[in-house]
Amino acid sequence: VYEHRSRLERSLQKERGEHKKTKEDFLVYKLEAQEALNKEKQDSMN
């Protein structure tokens, strides 16, 4: 049980790390997409 719990905690830590990295990647992607959209919107308005 202890070993199983230890694997689960490592797996949870790994999942949290991946989730944090995915979240950061998504925020960067969202920011870039927003900037591109704003630039395209400005070009369209011009």
ModelCIF file with pLDDT and N, C-alpha, C, O atoms, coordinates in Angstrom:
data_MODEL
#
_entry.id   MODEL 
#
_entity.id                         1 
_entity.type                       polymer 
_entity.pdbx_number_of_molecules   1 
#
_entity_poly.entity_id                      1 
_entity_poly.type                           'polypeptide(L)' 
_entity_poly.nstd_linkage                   no 
_entity_poly.nstd_monomer                   no 
_entity_poly.pdbx_seq_one_letter_code       VYEHRSRLERSLQKERGEHKKTKEDFLVYKLEAQEALNKEKQDSMN 
_entity_poly.pdbx_seq_one_letter_code_can   VYEHRSRLERSLQKERGEHKKTKEDFLVYKLEAQEALNKEKQDSMN 
_entity_poly.pdbx_strand_id                 A 
#
loop_
_entity_poly_seq.entity_id 
_entity_poly_seq.num 
_entity_poly_seq.mon_id 
_entity_poly_seq.hetero 
1 1  VAL n 
1 2  TYR n 
1 3  GLU n 
1 4  HIS n 
1 5  ARG n 
1 6  SER n 
1 7  ARG n 
1 8  LEU n 
1 9  GLU n 
1 10 ARG n 
1 11 SER n 
1 12 LEU n 
1 13 GLN n 
1 14 LYS n 
1 15 GLU n 
1 16 ARG n 
1 17 GLY n 
1 18 GLU n 
1 19 HIS n 
1 20 LYS n 
1 21 LYS n 
1 22 THR n 
1 23 LYS n 
1 24 GLU n 
1 25 ASP n 
1 26 PHE n 
1 27 LEU n 
1 28 VAL n 
1 29 TYR n 
1 30 LYS n 
1 31 LEU n 
1 32 GLU n 
1 33 ALA n 
1 34 GLN n 
1 35 GLU n 
1 36 ALA n 
1 37 LEU n 
1 38 ASN n 
1 39 LYS n 
1 40 GLU n 
1 41 LYS n 
1 42 GLN n 
1 43 ASP n 
1 44 SER n 
1 45 MET n 
1 46 ASN n 
#
_struct_asym.id          A 
_struct_asym.entity_id   1 
#
loop_
_ma_qa_metric.id 
_ma_qa_metric.mode 
_ma_qa_metric.name 
_ma_qa_metric.software_group_id 
_ma_qa_metric.type 
1 global pLDDT . pLDDT 
2 local  pLDDT . pLDDT 
#
_ma_qa_metric_global.metric_id      1 
_ma_qa_metric_global.metric_value   97.30 
_ma_qa_metric_global.model_id       1 
_ma_qa_metric_global.ordinal_id     1 
#
loop_
_ma_qa_metric_local.label_asym_id 
_ma_qa_metric_local.label_comp_id 
_ma_qa_metric_local.label_seq_id 
_ma_qa_metric_local.metric_id 
_ma_qa_metric_local.metric_value 
_ma_qa_metric_local.model_id 
_ma_qa_metric_local.ordinal_id 
A VAL 1  2 94.00 1 1  
A TYR 2  2 95.00 1 2  
A GLU 3  2 95.00 1 3  
A HIS 4  2 96.00 1 4  
A ARG 5  2 96.00 1 5  
A SER 6  2 96.00 1 6  
A ARG 7  2 96.00 1 7  
A LEU 8  2 96.00 1 8  
A GLU 9  2 97.00 1 9  
A ARG 10 2 97.00 1 10 
A SER 11 2 97.00 1 11 
A LEU 12 2 97.00 1 12 
A GLN 13 2 97.00 1 13 
A LYS 14 2 97.00 1 14 
A GLU 15 2 97.00 1 15 
A ARG 16 2 97.00 1 16 
A GLY 17 2 97.00 1 17 
A GLU 18 2 97.00 1 18 
A HIS 19 2 98.00 1 19 
A LYS 20 2 97.00 1 20 
A LYS 21 2 98.00 1 21 
A THR 22 2 98.00 1 22 
A LYS 23 2 97.00 1 23 
A GLU 24 2 98.00 1 24 
A ASP 25 2 98.00 1 25 
A PHE 26 2 98.00 1 26 
A LEU 27 2 98.00 1 27 
A VAL 28 2 98.00 1 28 
A TYR 29 2 98.00 1 29 
A LYS 30 2 98.00 1 30 
A LEU 31 2 98.00 1 31 
A GLU 32 2 98.00 1 32 
A ALA 33 2 98.00 1 33 
A GLN 34 2 98.00 1 34 
A GLU 35 2 98.00 1 35 
A ALA 36 2 98.00 1 36 
A LEU 37 2 98.00 1 37 
A ASN 38 2 98.00 1 38 
A LYS 39 2 98.00 1 39 
A GLU 40 2 98.00 1 40 
A LYS 41 2 98.00 1 41 
A GLN 42 2 98.00 1 42 
A ASP 43 2 98.00 1 43 
A SER 44 2 98.00 1 44 
A MET 45 2 98.00 1 45 
A ASN 46 2 98.00 1 46 
#
loop_
_atom_site.group_PDB 
_atom_site.id 
_atom_site.type_symbol 
_atom_site.label_atom_id 
_atom_site.label_alt_id 
_atom_site.label_comp_id 
_atom_site.label_asym_id 
_atom_site.label_entity_id 
_atom_site.label_seq_id 
_atom_site.pdbx_PDB_ins_code 
_atom_site.Cartn_x 
_atom_site.Cartn_y 
_atom_site.Cartn_z 
_atom_site.occupancy 
_atom_site.B_iso_or_equiv 
_atom_site.pdbx_formal_charge 
_atom_site.auth_seq_id 
_atom_site.auth_comp_id 
_atom_site.auth_asym_id 
_atom_site.auth_atom_id 
_atom_site.pdbx_PDB_model_num 
ATOM 1   N N  . VAL A 1 1  ? 0.850   -1.192 0.000   1.00 94.00 ? 1  VAL A N  1 
ATOM 2   C CA . VAL A 1 1  ? 0.000   0.000  0.000   1.00 94.00 ? 1  VAL A CA 1 
ATOM 3   C C  . VAL A 1 1  ? 0.884   1.240  0.000   1.00 94.00 ? 1  VAL A C  1 
ATOM 4   O O  . VAL A 1 1  ? 0.612   2.207  -0.710  1.00 94.00 ? 1  VAL A O  1 
ATOM 5   N N  . TYR A 1 2  ? 1.937   1.203  0.797   1.00 95.00 ? 2  TYR A N  1 
ATOM 6   C CA . TYR A 1 2  ? 2.841   2.348  0.865   1.00 95.00 ? 2  TYR A CA 1 
ATOM 7   C C  . TYR A 1 2  ? 3.468   2.618  -0.496  1.00 95.00 ? 2  TYR A C  1 
ATOM 8   O O  . TYR A 1 2  ? 3.532   3.769  -0.927  1.00 95.00 ? 2  TYR A O  1 
ATOM 9   N N  . GLU A 1 3  ? 3.927   1.579  -1.176  1.00 95.00 ? 3  GLU A N  1 
ATOM 10  C CA . GLU A 1 3  ? 4.547   1.725  -2.486  1.00 95.00 ? 3  GLU A CA 1 
ATOM 11  C C  . GLU A 1 3  ? 3.526   2.224  -3.501  1.00 95.00 ? 3  GLU A C  1 
ATOM 12  O O  . GLU A 1 3  ? 3.831   3.078  -4.333  1.00 95.00 ? 3  GLU A O  1 
ATOM 13  N N  . HIS A 1 4  ? 2.342   1.697  -3.427  1.00 96.00 ? 4  HIS A N  1 
ATOM 14  C CA . HIS A 1 4  ? 1.278   2.135  -4.337  1.00 96.00 ? 4  HIS A CA 1 
ATOM 15  C C  . HIS A 1 4  ? 0.980   3.618  -4.119  1.00 96.00 ? 4  HIS A C  1 
ATOM 16  O O  . HIS A 1 4  ? 0.841   4.391  -5.067  1.00 96.00 ? 4  HIS A O  1 
ATOM 17  N N  . ARG A 1 5  ? 0.886   3.988  -2.847  1.00 96.00 ? 5  ARG A N  1 
ATOM 18  C CA . ARG A 1 5  ? 0.631   5.394  -2.522  1.00 96.00 ? 5  ARG A CA 1 
ATOM 19  C C  . ARG A 1 5  ? 1.761   6.271  -3.027  1.00 96.00 ? 5  ARG A C  1 
ATOM 20  O O  . ARG A 1 5  ? 1.516   7.350  -3.566  1.00 96.00 ? 5  ARG A O  1 
ATOM 21  N N  . SER A 1 6  ? 2.989   5.821  -2.860  1.00 96.00 ? 6  SER A N  1 
ATOM 22  C CA . SER A 1 6  ? 4.155   6.568  -3.286  1.00 96.00 ? 6  SER A CA 1 
ATOM 23  C C  . SER A 1 6  ? 4.120   6.755  -4.809  1.00 96.00 ? 6  SER A C  1 
ATOM 24  O O  . SER A 1 6  ? 4.412   7.852  -5.286  1.00 96.00 ? 6  SER A O  1 
ATOM 25  N N  . ARG A 1 7  ? 3.772   5.723  -5.585  1.00 96.00 ? 7  ARG A N  1 
ATOM 26  C CA . ARG A 1 7  ? 3.653   5.827  -7.050  1.00 96.00 ? 7  ARG A CA 1 
ATOM 27  C C  . ARG A 1 7  ? 2.554   6.797  -7.445  1.00 96.00 ? 7  ARG A C  1 
ATOM 28  O O  . ARG A 1 7  ? 2.699   7.596  -8.370  1.00 96.00 ? 7  ARG A O  1 
ATOM 29  N N  . LEU A 1 8  ? 1.438   6.700  -6.708  1.00 96.00 ? 8  LEU A N  1 
ATOM 30  C CA . LEU A 1 8  ? 0.317   7.600  -7.002  1.00 96.00 ? 8  LEU A CA 1 
ATOM 31  C C  . LEU A 1 8  ? 0.702   9.055  -6.752  1.00 96.00 ? 8  LEU A C  1 
ATOM 32  O O  . LEU A 1 8  ? 0.347   9.935  -7.536  1.00 96.00 ? 8  LEU A O  1 
ATOM 33  N N  . GLU A 1 9  ? 1.437   9.315  -5.649  1.00 97.00 ? 9  GLU A N  1 
ATOM 34  C CA . GLU A 1 9  ? 1.849   10.680 -5.357  1.00 97.00 ? 9  GLU A CA 1 
ATOM 35  C C  . GLU A 1 9  ? 2.821   11.196 -6.422  1.00 97.00 ? 9  GLU A C  1 
ATOM 36  O O  . GLU A 1 9  ? 2.721   12.346 -6.850  1.00 97.00 ? 9  GLU A O  1 
ATOM 37  N N  . ARG A 1 10 ? 3.761   10.347 -6.848  1.00 97.00 ? 10 ARG A N  1 
ATOM 38  C CA . ARG A 1 10 ? 4.690   10.741 -7.906  1.00 97.00 ? 10 ARG A CA 1 
ATOM 39  C C  . ARG A 1 10 ? 3.926   11.017 -9.203  1.00 97.00 ? 10 ARG A C  1 
ATOM 40  O O  . ARG A 1 10 ? 4.173   11.998 -9.905  1.00 97.00 ? 10 ARG A O  1 
ATOM 41  N N  . SER A 1 11 ? 3.009   10.130 -9.484  1.00 97.00 ? 11 SER A N  1 
ATOM 42  C CA . SER A 1 11 ? 2.192   10.310 -10.704 1.00 97.00 ? 11 SER A CA 1 
ATOM 43  C C  . SER A 1 11 ? 1.385   11.599 -10.612 1.00 97.00 ? 11 SER A C  1 
ATOM 44  O O  . SER A 1 11 ? 1.266   12.330 -11.595 1.00 97.00 ? 11 SER A O  1 
ATOM 45  N N  . LEU A 1 12 ? 0.822   11.882 -9.417  1.00 97.00 ? 12 LEU A N  1 
ATOM 46  C CA . LEU A 1 12 ? 0.055   13.118 -9.213  1.00 97.00 ? 12 LEU A CA 1 
ATOM 47  C C  . LEU A 1 12 ? 0.964   14.322 -9.375  1.00 97.00 ? 12 LEU A C  1 
ATOM 48  O O  . LEU A 1 12 ? 0.567   15.302 -10.005 1.00 97.00 ? 12 LEU A O  1 
ATOM 49  N N  . GLN A 1 13 ? 2.191   14.279 -8.820  1.00 97.00 ? 13 GLN A N  1 
ATOM 50  C CA . GLN A 1 13 ? 3.141   15.387 -8.956  1.00 97.00 ? 13 GLN A CA 1 
ATOM 51  C C  . GLN A 1 13 ? 3.492   15.601 -10.434 1.00 97.00 ? 13 GLN A C  1 
ATOM 52  O O  . GLN A 1 13 ? 3.547   16.726 -10.933 1.00 97.00 ? 13 GLN A O  1 
ATOM 53  N N  . LYS A 1 14 ? 3.727   14.466 -11.110 1.00 97.00 ? 14 LYS A N  1 
ATOM 54  C CA . LYS A 1 14 ? 4.055   14.548 -12.533 1.00 97.00 ? 14 LYS A CA 1 
ATOM 55  C C  . LYS A 1 14 ? 2.892   15.173 -13.297 1.00 97.00 ? 14 LYS A C  1 
ATOM 56  O O  . LYS A 1 14 ? 3.109   16.042 -14.141 1.00 97.00 ? 14 LYS A O  1 
ATOM 57  N N  . GLU A 1 15 ? 1.668   14.747 -13.017 1.00 97.00 ? 15 GLU A N  1 
ATOM 58  C CA . GLU A 1 15 ? 0.466   15.294 -13.668 1.00 97.00 ? 15 GLU A CA 1 
ATOM 59  C C  . GLU A 1 15 ? 0.309   16.775 -13.353 1.00 97.00 ? 15 GLU A C  1 
ATOM 60  O O  . GLU A 1 15 ? -0.045  17.565 -14.228 1.00 97.00 ? 15 GLU A O  1 
ATOM 61  N N  . ARG A 1 16 ? 0.573   17.152 -12.102 1.00 97.00 ? 16 ARG A N  1 
ATOM 62  C CA . ARG A 1 16 ? 0.481   18.572 -11.729 1.00 97.00 ? 16 ARG A CA 1 
ATOM 63  C C  . ARG A 1 16 ? 1.509   19.391 -12.509 1.00 97.00 ? 16 ARG A C  1 
ATOM 64  O O  . ARG A 1 16 ? 1.189   20.474 -12.998 1.00 97.00 ? 16 ARG A O  1 
ATOM 65  N N  . GLY A 1 17 ? 2.715   18.897 -12.627 1.00 97.00 ? 17 GLY A N  1 
ATOM 66  C CA . GLY A 1 17 ? 3.772   19.587 -13.387 1.00 97.00 ? 17 GLY A CA 1 
ATOM 67  C C  . GLY A 1 17 ? 3.378   19.748 -14.846 1.00 97.00 ? 17 GLY A C  1 
ATOM 68  O O  . GLY A 1 17 ? 3.506   20.819 -15.441 1.00 97.00 ? 17 GLY A O  1 
ATOM 69  N N  . GLU A 1 18 ? 2.880   18.614 -15.413 1.00 97.00 ? 18 GLU A N  1 
ATOM 70  C CA . GLU A 1 18 ? 2.445   18.691 -16.806 1.00 97.00 ? 18 GLU A CA 1 
ATOM 71  C C  . GLU A 1 18 ? 1.272   19.653 -16.967 1.00 97.00 ? 18 GLU A C  1 
ATOM 72  O O  . GLU A 1 18 ? 1.189   20.404 -17.938 1.00 97.00 ? 18 GLU A O  1 
ATOM 73  N N  . HIS A 1 19 ? 0.363   19.609 -15.983 1.00 98.00 ? 19 HIS A N  1 
ATOM 74  C CA . HIS A 1 19 ? -0.803  20.507 -16.033 1.00 98.00 ? 19 HIS A CA 1 
ATOM 75  C C  . HIS A 1 19 ? -0.357  21.970 -15.953 1.00 98.00 ? 19 HIS A C  1 
ATOM 76  O O  . HIS A 1 19 ? -0.867  22.830 -16.670 1.00 98.00 ? 19 HIS A O  1 
ATOM 77  N N  . LYS A 1 20 ? 0.626   22.236 -15.046 1.00 97.00 ? 20 LYS A N  1 
ATOM 78  C CA . LYS A 1 20 ? 1.132   23.600 -14.906 1.00 97.00 ? 20 LYS A CA 1 
ATOM 79  C C  . LYS A 1 20 ? 1.803   24.054 -16.200 1.00 97.00 ? 20 LYS A C  1 
ATOM 80  O O  . LYS A 1 20 ? 1.595   25.185 -16.641 1.00 97.00 ? 20 LYS A O  1 
ATOM 81  N N  . LYS A 1 21 ? 2.613   23.173 -16.816 1.00 98.00 ? 21 LYS A N  1 
ATOM 82  C CA . LYS A 1 21 ? 3.297   23.513 -18.066 1.00 98.00 ? 21 LYS A CA 1 
ATOM 83  C C  . LYS A 1 21 ? 2.260   23.723 -19.172 1.00 98.00 ? 21 LYS A C  1 
ATOM 84  O O  . LYS A 1 21 ? 2.373   24.675 -19.945 1.00 98.00 ? 21 LYS A O  1 
ATOM 85  N N  . THR A 1 22 ? 1.266   22.862 -19.257 1.00 98.00 ? 22 THR A N  1 
ATOM 86  C CA . THR A 1 22 ? 0.209   22.995 -20.270 1.00 98.00 ? 22 THR A CA 1 
ATOM 87  C C  . THR A 1 22 ? -0.550  24.296 -20.068 1.00 98.00 ? 22 THR A C  1 
ATOM 88  O O  . THR A 1 22 ? -0.885  24.988 -21.029 1.00 98.00 ? 22 THR A O  1 
ATOM 89  N N  . LYS A 1 23 ? -0.820  24.626 -18.798 1.00 97.00 ? 23 LYS A N  1 
ATOM 90  C CA . LYS A 1 23 ? -1.534  25.864 -18.489 1.00 97.00 ? 23 LYS A CA 1 
ATOM 91  C C  . LYS A 1 23 ? -0.704  27.072 -18.925 1.00 97.00 ? 23 LYS A C  1 
ATOM 92  O O  . LYS A 1 23 ? -1.237  28.012 -19.515 1.00 97.00 ? 23 LYS A O  1 
ATOM 93  N N  . GLU A 1 24 ? 0.610   27.048 -18.634 1.00 98.00 ? 24 GLU A N  1 
ATOM 94  C CA . GLU A 1 24 ? 1.494   28.146 -19.047 1.00 98.00 ? 24 GLU A CA 1 
ATOM 95  C C  . GLU A 1 24 ? 1.559   28.254 -20.572 1.00 98.00 ? 24 GLU A C  1 
ATOM 96  O O  . GLU A 1 24 ? 1.494   29.345 -21.138 1.00 98.00 ? 24 GLU A O  1 
ATOM 97  N N  . ASP A 1 25 ? 1.688   27.081 -21.227 1.00 98.00 ? 25 ASP A N  1 
ATOM 98  C CA . ASP A 1 25 ? 1.699   27.080 -22.690 1.00 98.00 ? 25 ASP A CA 1 
ATOM 99  C C  . ASP A 1 25 ? 0.400   27.655 -23.251 1.00 98.00 ? 25 ASP A C  1 
ATOM 100 O O  . ASP A 1 25 ? 0.401   28.423 -24.213 1.00 98.00 ? 25 ASP A O  1 
ATOM 101 N N  . PHE A 1 26 ? -0.712  27.260 -22.620 1.00 98.00 ? 26 PHE A N  1 
ATOM 102 C CA . PHE A 1 26 ? -2.017  27.767 -23.082 1.00 98.00 ? 26 PHE A CA 1 
ATOM 103 C C  . PHE A 1 26 ? -2.108  29.279 -22.890 1.00 98.00 ? 26 PHE A C  1 
ATOM 104 O O  . PHE A 1 26 ? -2.612  29.979 -23.768 1.00 98.00 ? 26 PHE A O  1 
ATOM 105 N N  . LEU A 1 27 ? -1.625  29.798 -21.747 1.00 98.00 ? 27 LEU A N  1 
ATOM 106 C CA . LEU A 1 27 ? -1.664  31.238 -21.496 1.00 98.00 ? 27 LEU A CA 1 
ATOM 107 C C  . LEU A 1 27 ? -0.803  31.985 -22.523 1.00 98.00 ? 27 LEU A C  1 
ATOM 108 O O  . LEU A 1 27 ? -1.198  33.037 -23.025 1.00 98.00 ? 27 LEU A O  1 
ATOM 109 N N  . VAL A 1 28 ? 0.392   31.423 -22.835 1.00 98.00 ? 28 VAL A N  1 
ATOM 110 C CA . VAL A 1 28 ? 1.257   32.044 -23.847 1.00 98.00 ? 28 VAL A CA 1 
ATOM 111 C C  . VAL A 1 28 ? 0.550   32.026 -25.199 1.00 98.00 ? 28 VAL A C  1 
ATOM 112 O O  . VAL A 1 28 ? 0.533   33.030 -25.912 1.00 98.00 ? 28 VAL A O  1 
ATOM 113 N N  . TYR A 1 29 ? -0.047  30.852 -25.557 1.00 98.00 ? 29 TYR A N  1 
ATOM 114 C CA . TYR A 1 29 ? -0.766  30.741 -26.822 1.00 98.00 ? 29 TYR A CA 1 
ATOM 115 C C  . TYR A 1 29 ? -1.939  31.729 -26.869 1.00 98.00 ? 29 TYR A C  1 
ATOM 116 O O  . TYR A 1 29 ? -2.184  32.382 -27.883 1.00 98.00 ? 29 TYR A O  1 
ATOM 117 N N  . LYS A 1 30 ? -2.660  31.818 -25.733 1.00 98.00 ? 30 LYS A N  1 
ATOM 118 C CA . LYS A 1 30 ? -3.811  32.726 -25.666 1.00 98.00 ? 30 LYS A CA 1 
ATOM 119 C C  . LYS A 1 30 ? -3.358  34.173 -25.847 1.00 98.00 ? 30 LYS A C  1 
ATOM 120 O O  . LYS A 1 30 ? -4.005  34.934 -26.566 1.00 98.00 ? 30 LYS A O  1 
ATOM 121 N N  . LEU A 1 31 ? -2.262  34.560 -25.207 1.00 98.00 ? 31 LEU A N  1 
ATOM 122 C CA . LEU A 1 31 ? -1.735  35.915 -25.314 1.00 98.00 ? 31 LEU A CA 1 
ATOM 123 C C  . LEU A 1 31 ? -1.298  36.211 -26.753 1.00 98.00 ? 31 LEU A C  1 
ATOM 124 O O  . LEU A 1 31 ? -1.604  37.272 -27.296 1.00 98.00 ? 31 LEU A O  1 
ATOM 125 N N  . GLU A 1 32 ? -0.575  35.252 -27.368 1.00 98.00 ? 32 GLU A N  1 
ATOM 126 C CA . GLU A 1 32 ? -0.144  35.439 -28.757 1.00 98.00 ? 32 GLU A CA 1 
ATOM 127 C C  . GLU A 1 32 ? -1.347  35.540 -29.699 1.00 98.00 ? 32 GLU A C  1 
ATOM 128 O O  . GLU A 1 32 ? -1.367  36.369 -30.609 1.00 98.00 ? 32 GLU A O  1 
ATOM 129 N N  . ALA A 1 33 ? -2.340  34.693 -29.469 1.00 98.00 ? 33 ALA A N  1 
ATOM 130 C CA . ALA A 1 33 ? -3.545  34.714 -30.309 1.00 98.00 ? 33 ALA A CA 1 
ATOM 131 C C  . ALA A 1 33 ? -4.278  36.041 -30.137 1.00 98.00 ? 33 ALA A C  1 
ATOM 132 O O  . ALA A 1 33 ? -4.776  36.608 -31.111 1.00 98.00 ? 33 ALA A O  1 
ATOM 133 N N  . GLN A 1 34 ? -4.345  36.536 -28.908 1.00 98.00 ? 34 GLN A N  1 
ATOM 134 C CA . GLN A 1 34 ? -5.007  37.817 -28.640 1.00 98.00 ? 34 GLN A CA 1 
ATOM 135 C C  . GLN A 1 34 ? -4.275  38.959 -29.345 1.00 98.00 ? 34 GLN A C  1 
ATOM 136 O O  . GLN A 1 34 ? -4.900  39.839 -29.938 1.00 98.00 ? 34 GLN A O  1 
ATOM 137 N N  . GLU A 1 35 ? -2.920  38.931 -29.271 1.00 98.00 ? 35 GLU A N  1 
ATOM 138 C CA . GLU A 1 35 ? -2.127  39.959 -29.942 1.00 98.00 ? 35 GLU A CA 1 
ATOM 139 C C  . GLU A 1 35 ? -2.321  39.894 -31.459 1.00 98.00 ? 35 GLU A C  1 
ATOM 140 O O  . GLU A 1 35 ? -2.481  40.921 -32.120 1.00 98.00 ? 35 GLU A O  1 
ATOM 141 N N  . ALA A 1 36 ? -2.305  38.680 -31.997 1.00 98.00 ? 36 ALA A N  1 
ATOM 142 C CA . ALA A 1 36 ? -2.505  38.518 -33.446 1.00 98.00 ? 36 ALA A CA 1 
ATOM 143 C C  . ALA A 1 36 ? -3.903  39.002 -33.837 1.00 98.00 ? 36 ALA A C  1 
ATOM 144 O O  . ALA A 1 36 ? -4.078  39.655 -34.866 1.00 98.00 ? 36 ALA A O  1 
ATOM 145 N N  . LEU A 1 37 ? -4.883  38.678 -33.014 1.00 98.00 ? 37 LEU A N  1 
ATOM 146 C CA . LEU A 1 37 ? -6.252  39.112 -33.291 1.00 98.00 ? 37 LEU A CA 1 
ATOM 147 C C  . LEU A 1 37 ? -6.359  40.636 -33.236 1.00 98.00 ? 37 LEU A C  1 
ATOM 148 O O  . LEU A 1 37 ? -6.993  41.255 -34.091 1.00 98.00 ? 37 LEU A O  1 
ATOM 149 N N  . ASN A 1 38 ? -5.728  41.236 -32.216 1.00 98.00 ? 38 ASN A N  1 
ATOM 150 C CA . ASN A 1 38 ? -5.740  42.697 -32.098 1.00 98.00 ? 38 ASN A CA 1 
ATOM 151 C C  . ASN A 1 38 ? -5.048  43.350 -33.302 1.00 98.00 ? 38 ASN A C  1 
ATOM 152 O O  . ASN A 1 38 ? -5.529  44.346 -33.842 1.00 98.00 ? 38 ASN A O  1 
ATOM 153 N N  . LYS A 1 39 ? -3.911  42.770 -33.714 1.00 98.00 ? 39 LYS A N  1 
ATOM 154 C CA . LYS A 1 39 ? -3.190  43.311 -34.868 1.00 98.00 ? 39 LYS A CA 1 
ATOM 155 C C  . LYS A 1 39 ? -4.051  43.194 -36.126 1.00 98.00 ? 39 LYS A C  1 
ATOM 156 O O  . LYS A 1 39 ? -4.149  44.138 -36.909 1.00 98.00 ? 39 LYS A O  1 
ATOM 157 N N  . GLU A 1 40 ? -4.664  42.046 -36.309 1.00 98.00 ? 40 GLU A N  1 
ATOM 158 C CA . GLU A 1 40 ? -5.525  41.842 -37.476 1.00 98.00 ? 40 GLU A CA 1 
ATOM 159 C C  . GLU A 1 40 ? -6.733  42.783 -37.438 1.00 98.00 ? 40 GLU A C  1 
ATOM 160 O O  . GLU A 1 40 ? -7.162  43.314 -38.463 1.00 98.00 ? 40 GLU A O  1 
ATOM 161 N N  . LYS A 1 41 ? -7.264  42.972 -36.236 1.00 98.00 ? 41 LYS A N  1 
ATOM 162 C CA . LYS A 1 41 ? -8.403  43.885 -36.077 1.00 98.00 ? 41 LYS A CA 1 
ATOM 163 C C  . LYS A 1 41 ? -7.984  45.309 -36.424 1.00 98.00 ? 41 LYS A C  1 
ATOM 164 O O  . LYS A 1 41 ? -8.721  46.028 -37.098 1.00 98.00 ? 41 LYS A O  1 
ATOM 165 N N  . GLN A 1 42 ? -6.804  45.716 -35.965 1.00 98.00 ? 42 GLN A N  1 
ATOM 166 C CA . GLN A 1 42 ? -6.303  47.059 -36.258 1.00 98.00 ? 42 GLN A CA 1 
ATOM 167 C C  . GLN A 1 42 ? -6.080  47.236 -37.768 1.00 98.00 ? 42 GLN A C  1 
ATOM 168 O O  . GLN A 1 42 ? -6.442  48.262 -38.344 1.00 98.00 ? 42 GLN A O  1 
ATOM 169 N N  . ASP A 1 43 ? -5.478  46.216 -38.395 1.00 98.00 ? 43 ASP A N  1 
ATOM 170 C CA . ASP A 1 43 ? -5.263  46.267 -39.848 1.00 98.00 ? 43 ASP A CA 1 
ATOM 171 C C  . ASP A 1 43 ? -6.601  46.374 -40.587 1.00 98.00 ? 43 ASP A C  1 
ATOM 172 O O  . ASP A 1 43 ? -6.746  47.140 -41.539 1.00 98.00 ? 43 ASP A O  1 
ATOM 173 N N  . SER A 1 44 ? -7.561  45.590 -40.123 1.00 98.00 ? 44 SER A N  1 
ATOM 174 C CA . SER A 1 44 ? -8.890  45.631 -40.754 1.00 98.00 ? 44 SER A CA 1 
ATOM 175 C C  . SER A 1 44 ? -9.530  47.001 -40.591 1.00 98.00 ? 44 SER A C  1 
ATOM 176 O O  . SER A 1 44 ? -10.148 47.518 -41.522 1.00 98.00 ? 44 SER A O  1 
ATOM 177 N N  . MET A 1 45 ? -9.383  47.588 -39.412 1.00 98.00 ? 45 MET A N  1 
ATOM 178 C CA . MET A 1 45 ? -9.956  48.911 -39.169 1.00 98.00 ? 45 MET A CA 1 
ATOM 179 C C  . MET A 1 45 ? -9.270  49.955 -40.065 1.00 98.00 ? 45 MET A C  1 
ATOM 180 O O  . MET A 1 45 ? -9.926  50.838 -40.617 1.00 98.00 ? 45 MET A O  1 
ATOM 181 N N  . ASN A 1 46 ? -7.944  49.840 -40.199 1.00 98.00 ? 46 ASN A N  1 
ATOM 182 C CA . ASN A 1 46 ? -7.212  50.757 -41.079 1.00 98.00 ? 46 ASN A CA 1 
ATOM 183 C C  . ASN A 1 46 ? -7.682  50.601 -42.525 1.00 98.00 ? 46 ASN A C  1 
ATOM 184 O O  . ASN A 1 46 ? -7.182  51.289 -43.414 1.00 98.00 ? 46 ASN A O  1 
#
